[in-house]
Amino acid sequence: MTSEEAERAHFFFPHIYGRTIKSVAAIPNLKRICEEHFMCKHCIQVLDLQGNPQLAKDHQIMAIPALVSKLPPQLERSSVTYATRKGCC
């Protein structure tokens, strides 16, 4: 990804706690949604709170699995639950 593409990309940071049923289902769902809606203009970085619980406080995570996204400059930060696709997008 070039720097110009990175400026226009959507960055997604799914927060999980270990390999739970919801977290295992959420990651492929997120990848599929991103591929359908953002083509190649997205980046996913999974953050496991089991290994670093301080991230929950730093990122103000109240429930997991949760998704924090860093959107292109023209859009603001948003948070959603993404374990199921129903009702999403």
Protein backbone atom coordinates (compact mmCIF):
# COMPACT_ATOMS: atom_id res chain seq x y z
CA MET A 1 0.00 0.00 0.00
CA THR A 2 1.47 3.32 -1.04
CA SER A 3 1.41 6.33 1.29
CA GLU A 4 -1.29 7.91 -0.86
CA GLU A 5 -3.44 4.75 -0.60
CA ALA A 6 -2.81 4.61 3.15
CA GLU A 7 -4.18 8.14 3.53
CA ARG A 8 -7.46 7.02 1.92
CA ALA A 9 -7.60 3.58 3.59
CA HIS A 10 -9.88 2.47 6.39
CA PHE A 11 -7.94 0.96 9.29
CA PHE A 12 -9.77 -1.51 11.52
CA PHE A 13 -8.63 -2.63 14.95
CA PRO A 14 -10.79 -5.52 16.20
CA HIS A 15 -10.37 -5.97 19.95
CA ILE A 16 -10.81 -9.56 21.14
CA TYR A 17 -10.06 -11.52 24.30
CA GLY A 18 -8.47 -14.82 23.36
CA ARG A 19 -10.05 -17.24 20.91
CA THR A 20 -13.71 -17.16 21.91
CA ILE A 21 -16.55 -18.30 19.64
CA LYS A 22 -17.47 -14.67 18.90
CA SER A 23 -13.92 -13.54 18.19
CA VAL A 24 -13.23 -16.52 15.93
CA ALA A 25 -16.41 -15.71 13.95
CA ALA A 26 -15.88 -11.95 13.95
CA ILE A 27 -12.54 -11.78 12.16
CA PRO A 28 -13.60 -13.60 8.94
CA ASN A 29 -16.86 -11.60 8.94
CA LEU A 30 -14.91 -8.35 9.18
CA LYS A 31 -12.55 -9.43 6.38
CA ARG A 32 -15.49 -10.35 4.13
CA ILE A 33 -17.29 -7.04 4.81
CA CYS A 34 -14.10 -5.06 4.13
CA GLU A 35 -13.42 -6.91 0.88
CA GLU A 36 -16.99 -6.30 -0.30
CA HIS A 37 -17.15 -2.61 0.64
CA PHE A 38 -13.60 -1.27 0.70
CA MET A 39 -11.86 -3.41 -1.95
CA CYS A 40 -8.10 -3.08 -1.32
CA LYS A 41 -8.42 0.13 0.66
CA HIS A 42 -8.48 -1.35 4.16
CA CYS A 43 -6.11 -2.72 6.78
CA ILE A 44 -7.04 -4.99 9.71
CA GLN A 45 -4.91 -5.34 12.85
CA VAL A 46 -6.31 -7.72 15.50
CA LEU A 47 -5.63 -6.62 19.09
CA ASP A 48 -5.93 -9.41 21.68
CA LEU A 49 -6.73 -7.91 25.08
CA GLN A 50 -5.84 -11.15 26.82
CA GLY A 51 -2.17 -10.44 26.16
CA ASN A 52 -2.42 -6.69 26.82
CA PRO A 53 -5.45 -5.70 28.94
CA GLN A 54 -4.22 -2.09 29.20
CA LEU A 55 -5.34 -1.61 25.56
CA ALA A 56 -8.98 -1.84 26.70
CA LYS A 57 -8.51 1.20 28.91
CA ASP A 58 -6.36 3.05 26.37
CA HIS A 59 -8.90 2.53 23.56
CA GLN A 60 -11.96 2.94 25.85
CA ILE A 61 -13.33 -0.55 25.09
CA MET A 62 -16.43 -1.36 27.15
CA ALA A 63 -17.40 -4.74 25.61
CA ILE A 64 -15.70 -7.31 23.42
CA PRO A 65 -15.44 -8.24 20.69
CA ALA A 66 -15.39 -4.62 19.58
CA LEU A 67 -14.13 -2.80 16.55
CA VAL A 68 -12.36 0.55 16.51
CA SER A 69 -11.79 2.00 13.10
CA LYS A 70 -9.53 4.79 11.95
CA LEU A 71 -11.19 6.21 8.91
CA PRO A 72 -9.79 8.49 6.25
CA PRO A 73 -9.41 12.12 7.37
CA GLN A 74 -12.78 13.18 5.97
CA LEU A 75 -14.55 10.66 8.24
CA GLU A 76 -14.53 10.38 12.02
CA ARG A 77 -13.70 7.49 14.35
CA SER A 78 -16.49 4.99 14.87
CA SER A 79 -17.02 1.88 16.96
CA VAL A 80 -19.33 -1.07 16.24
CA THR A 81 -19.90 -4.63 17.32
CA TYR A 82 -19.27 -6.96 14.41
CA ALA A 83 -19.62 -10.54 15.68
CA THR A 84 -22.67 -11.04 13.50
CA ARG A 85 -23.23 -9.54 10.10
CA LYS A 86 -26.97 -9.12 10.62
CA GLY A 87 -27.79 -5.44 10.83
CA CYS A 88 -24.33 -4.39 9.78
CA CYS A 89 -23.77 -2.11 6.78
